[in-house]
Amino acid sequence: MRHNRRFLVLVLALACLPLAGCATGPGGATTQEAGEADIGRGVASWYGGRFHGRRTASGELFDENALTAAHPTLPFGTRVRVRSLGNGREVVVRINDRGPHVKSRIIDLSRAAASALGFVQAGTARVVLLRP
């Protein structure tokens, strides 16, 4: 009898955990729509300033005012929807560069994209990368 009770408690505890890839908000509501598969989650940063006007890895000139991003593996030209996990804002960016060159980050956004997400001042933000 005691063994069955422990099993039941374990099953109930696991049933209350959010599904992988879904974050829960207040009241347990999911913040990710059903069927919306994420490409990745982690910390985003932004770059601009001294890189503005220089060539990107794709060969085009970097424009800090364009909605572009650097990603280590996604093909150039890929469009990615970036959602801030802090405030829910979203922006669609085009991959045109390689980076970030800081191991703990998953994407480097242009200044314009970081501004759209509201983290220029902070420098970094927790994000989820989604298909557009």
C-alpha atoms as a PDB file:
ATOM      1  CA  MET A   1       0.000   0.000   0.000  1.00  0.00           C
ATOM      2  CA  ARG A   2       2.788   2.467   0.912  1.00  0.00           C
ATOM      3  CA  HIS A   3       4.579   1.708  -2.377  1.00  0.00           C
ATOM      4  CA  ASN A   4       1.426   2.487  -4.402  1.00  0.00           C
ATOM      5  CA  ARG A   5       0.981   5.823  -2.585  1.00  0.00           C
ATOM      6  CA  ARG A   6       4.525   6.911  -3.487  1.00  0.00           C
ATOM      7  CA  PHE A   7       3.922   5.945  -7.095  1.00  0.00           C
ATOM      8  CA  LEU A   8       0.687   7.946  -7.189  1.00  0.00           C
ATOM      9  CA  VAL A   9       2.404  11.004  -5.686  1.00  0.00           C
ATOM     10  CA  LEU A  10       5.174  10.744  -8.308  1.00  0.00           C
ATOM     11  CA  VAL A  11       2.663  10.448 -11.165  1.00  0.00           C
ATOM     12  CA  LEU A  12       0.682  13.451  -9.897  1.00  0.00           C
ATOM     13  CA  ALA A  13       3.859  15.508  -9.499  1.00  0.00           C
ATOM     14  CA  LEU A  14       4.978  14.714 -13.049  1.00  0.00           C
ATOM     15  CA  ALA A  15       1.515  15.535 -14.417  1.00  0.00           C
ATOM     16  CA  CYS A  16       1.800  19.045 -12.947  1.00  0.00           C
ATOM     17  CA  LEU A  17       5.108  19.835 -14.695  1.00  0.00           C
ATOM     18  CA  PRO A  18       4.888  21.988 -17.826  1.00  0.00           C
ATOM     19  CA  LEU A  19       5.497  20.231 -21.125  1.00  0.00           C
ATOM     20  CA  ALA A  20       8.957  20.577 -22.654  1.00  0.00           C
ATOM     21  CA  GLY A  21       9.123  23.658 -24.847  1.00  0.00           C
ATOM     22  CA  CYS A  22       6.173  25.341 -23.150  1.00  0.00           C
ATOM     23  CA  ALA A  23       6.547  28.014 -20.546  1.00  0.00           C
ATOM     24  CA  THR A  24       3.706  28.672 -18.154  1.00  0.00           C
ATOM     25  CA  GLY A  25       2.522  32.052 -17.128  1.00  0.00           C
ATOM     26  CA  PRO A  26       0.259  33.176 -14.284  1.00  0.00           C
ATOM     27  CA  GLY A  27      -2.473  30.659 -13.577  1.00  0.00           C
ATOM     28  CA  GLY A  28      -0.646  27.945 -15.517  1.00  0.00           C
ATOM     29  CA  ALA A  29      -1.551  29.417 -18.920  1.00  0.00           C
ATOM     30  CA  THR A  30       0.950  28.531 -21.621  1.00  0.00           C
ATOM     31  CA  THR A  31       2.832  31.383 -23.220  1.00  0.00           C
ATOM     32  CA  GLN A  32       3.557  29.352 -26.332  1.00  0.00           C
ATOM     33  CA  GLU A  33       0.819  28.460 -28.779  1.00  0.00           C
ATOM     34  CA  ALA A  34       0.071  24.791 -29.429  1.00  0.00           C
ATOM     35  CA  GLY A  35       2.138  23.430 -32.313  1.00  0.00           C
ATOM     36  CA  GLU A  36       4.659  26.263 -32.107  1.00  0.00           C
ATOM     37  CA  ALA A  37       8.052  24.520 -32.035  1.00  0.00           C
ATOM     38  CA  ASP A  38      10.939  26.592 -30.824  1.00  0.00           C
ATOM     39  CA  ILE A  39      14.331  26.624 -32.535  1.00  0.00           C
ATOM     40  CA  GLY A  40      16.141  27.454 -29.332  1.00  0.00           C
ATOM     41  CA  ARG A  41      16.031  29.261 -26.007  1.00  0.00           C
ATOM     42  CA  GLY A  42      18.649  31.219 -24.189  1.00  0.00           C
ATOM     43  CA  VAL A  43      20.266  34.611 -23.874  1.00  0.00           C
ATOM     44  CA  ALA A  44      20.308  37.103 -26.734  1.00  0.00           C
ATOM     45  CA  SER A  45      22.645  40.063 -27.000  1.00  0.00           C
ATOM     46  CA  TRP A  46      22.940  42.867 -29.531  1.00  0.00           C
ATOM     47  CA  TYR A  47      25.688  44.474 -31.546  1.00  0.00           C
ATOM     48  CA  GLY A  48      26.063  47.675 -33.515  1.00  0.00           C
ATOM     49  CA  GLY A  49      28.208  50.765 -33.236  1.00  0.00           C
ATOM     50  CA  ARG A  50      31.713  49.861 -34.398  1.00  0.00           C
ATOM     51  CA  PHE A  51      30.357  47.046 -36.629  1.00  0.00           C
ATOM     52  CA  HIS A  52      27.965  49.342 -38.523  1.00  0.00           C
ATOM     53  CA  GLY A  53      29.023  49.430 -42.196  1.00  0.00           C
ATOM     54  CA  ARG A  54      31.413  46.463 -41.943  1.00  0.00           C
ATOM     55  CA  ARG A  55      30.979  43.265 -43.924  1.00  0.00           C
ATOM     56  CA  THR A  56      29.051  40.431 -42.298  1.00  0.00           C
ATOM     57  CA  ALA A  57      29.888  36.756 -42.766  1.00  0.00           C
ATOM     58  CA  SER A  58      27.289  36.657 -45.563  1.00  0.00           C
ATOM     59  CA  GLY A  59      29.156  39.409 -47.404  1.00  0.00           C
ATOM     60  CA  GLU A  60      26.592  42.161 -47.012  1.00  0.00           C
ATOM     61  CA  LEU A  61      27.233  45.360 -45.088  1.00  0.00           C
ATOM     62  CA  PHE A  62      26.030  45.344 -41.496  1.00  0.00           C
ATOM     63  CA  ASP A  63      23.299  47.871 -40.769  1.00  0.00           C
ATOM     64  CA  GLU A  64      22.530  48.282 -37.072  1.00  0.00           C
ATOM     65  CA  ASN A  65      19.177  49.840 -38.056  1.00  0.00           C
ATOM     66  CA  ALA A  66      17.998  46.755 -39.989  1.00  0.00           C
ATOM     67  CA  LEU A  67      16.212  43.799 -38.402  1.00  0.00           C
ATOM     68  CA  THR A  68      19.049  41.292 -38.766  1.00  0.00           C
ATOM     69  CA  ALA A  69      20.924  38.852 -36.549  1.00  0.00           C
ATOM     70  CA  ALA A  70      23.968  36.644 -36.189  1.00  0.00           C
ATOM     71  CA  HIS A  71      23.467  32.934 -35.473  1.00  0.00           C
ATOM     72  CA  PRO A  72      26.114  30.199 -35.384  1.00  0.00           C
ATOM     73  CA  THR A  73      24.386  27.632 -37.641  1.00  0.00           C
ATOM     74  CA  LEU A  74      21.160  28.840 -39.291  1.00  0.00           C
ATOM     75  CA  PRO A  75      21.560  29.452 -43.040  1.00  0.00           C
ATOM     76  CA  PHE A  76      21.971  33.031 -44.233  1.00  0.00           C
ATOM     77  CA  GLY A  77      18.627  34.497 -45.234  1.00  0.00           C
ATOM     78  CA  THR A  78      16.657  32.435 -42.698  1.00  0.00           C
ATOM     79  CA  ARG A  79      13.954  34.440 -40.974  1.00  0.00           C
ATOM     80  CA  VAL A  80      13.504  33.847 -37.255  1.00  0.00           C
ATOM     81  CA  ARG A  81      10.888  35.213 -34.864  1.00  0.00           C
ATOM     82  CA  VAL A  82      12.537  36.217 -31.593  1.00  0.00           C
ATOM     83  CA  ARG A  83      10.316  36.500 -28.517  1.00  0.00           C
ATOM     84  CA  SER A  84      11.496  38.121 -25.294  1.00  0.00           C
ATOM     85  CA  LEU A  85      10.605  35.902 -22.359  1.00  0.00           C
ATOM     86  CA  GLY A  86      10.708  38.957 -20.094  1.00  0.00           C
ATOM     87  CA  ASN A  87       8.067  41.108 -21.772  1.00  0.00           C
ATOM     88  CA  GLY A  88       6.545  38.981 -24.565  1.00  0.00           C
ATOM     89  CA  ARG A  89       7.592  41.355 -27.361  1.00  0.00           C
ATOM     90  CA  GLU A  90       8.473  39.766 -30.705  1.00  0.00           C
ATOM     91  CA  VAL A  91      10.468  40.725 -33.776  1.00  0.00           C
ATOM     92  CA  VAL A  92      11.251  38.848 -37.002  1.00  0.00           C
ATOM     93  CA  VAL A  93      14.908  39.048 -38.020  1.00  0.00           C
ATOM     94  CA  ARG A  94      16.920  37.776 -40.984  1.00  0.00           C
ATOM     95  CA  ILE A  95      20.134  35.852 -40.330  1.00  0.00           C
ATOM     96  CA  ASN A  96      23.020  37.533 -42.184  1.00  0.00           C
ATOM     97  CA  ASP A  97      26.023  36.989 -39.906  1.00  0.00           C
ATOM     98  CA  ARG A  98      27.777  34.422 -37.716  1.00  0.00           C
ATOM     99  CA  GLY A  99      27.921  34.712 -33.961  1.00  0.00           C
ATOM    100  CA  PRO A 100      27.476  35.272 -31.137  1.00  0.00           C
ATOM    101  CA  HIS A 101      31.063  34.798 -30.105  1.00  0.00           C
ATOM    102  CA  VAL A 102      30.160  34.446 -26.423  1.00  0.00           C
ATOM    103  CA  LYS A 103      29.469  30.802 -25.647  1.00  0.00           C
ATOM    104  CA  SER A 104      26.529  31.402 -23.274  1.00  0.00           C
ATOM    105  CA  ARG A 105      24.467  33.298 -25.908  1.00  0.00           C
ATOM    106  CA  ILE A 106      22.287  31.893 -28.688  1.00  0.00           C
ATOM    107  CA  ILE A 107      21.808  34.898 -30.984  1.00  0.00           C
ATOM    108  CA  ASP A 108      23.234  38.383 -31.569  1.00  0.00           C
ATOM    109  CA  LEU A 109      20.644  40.897 -32.744  1.00  0.00           C
ATOM    110  CA  SER A 110      21.099  44.218 -34.492  1.00  0.00           C
ATOM    111  CA  ARG A 111      20.502  47.324 -32.389  1.00  0.00           C
ATOM    112  CA  ALA A 112      17.119  47.837 -34.119  1.00  0.00           C
ATOM    113  CA  ALA A 113      15.968  44.306 -33.229  1.00  0.00           C
ATOM    114  CA  ALA A 114      17.135  44.674 -29.613  1.00  0.00           C
ATOM    115  CA  SER A 115      15.293  47.993 -29.440  1.00  0.00           C
ATOM    116  CA  ALA A 116      12.095  46.355 -30.729  1.00  0.00           C
ATOM    117  CA  LEU A 117      12.411  43.776 -27.945  1.00  0.00           C
ATOM    118  CA  GLY A 118      13.191  46.449 -25.371  1.00  0.00           C
ATOM    119  CA  PHE A 119      16.624  45.382 -24.109  1.00  0.00           C
ATOM    120  CA  VAL A 120      19.130  47.837 -25.589  1.00  0.00           C
ATOM    121  CA  GLN A 121      19.832  49.333 -22.153  1.00  0.00           C
ATOM    122  CA  ALA A 122      20.167  45.932 -20.422  1.00  0.00           C
ATOM    123  CA  GLY A 123      22.370  44.487 -23.192  1.00  0.00           C
ATOM    124  CA  THR A 124      20.977  40.965 -22.969  1.00  0.00           C
ATOM    125  CA  ALA A 125      17.599  39.254 -22.633  1.00  0.00           C
ATOM    126  CA  ARG A 126      16.244  35.730 -22.292  1.00  0.00           C
ATOM    127  CA  VAL A 127      14.538  34.792 -25.550  1.00  0.00           C
ATOM    128  CA  VAL A 128      12.975  31.969 -27.506  1.00  0.00           C
ATOM    129  CA  LEU A 129      13.649  31.589 -31.234  1.00  0.00           C
ATOM    130  CA  LEU A 130      10.619  30.541 -33.285  1.00  0.00           C
ATOM    131  CA  ARG A 131       9.733  29.957 -36.896  1.00  0.00           C
ATOM    132  CA  PRO A 132       8.101  33.129 -38.342  1.00  0.00           C
END
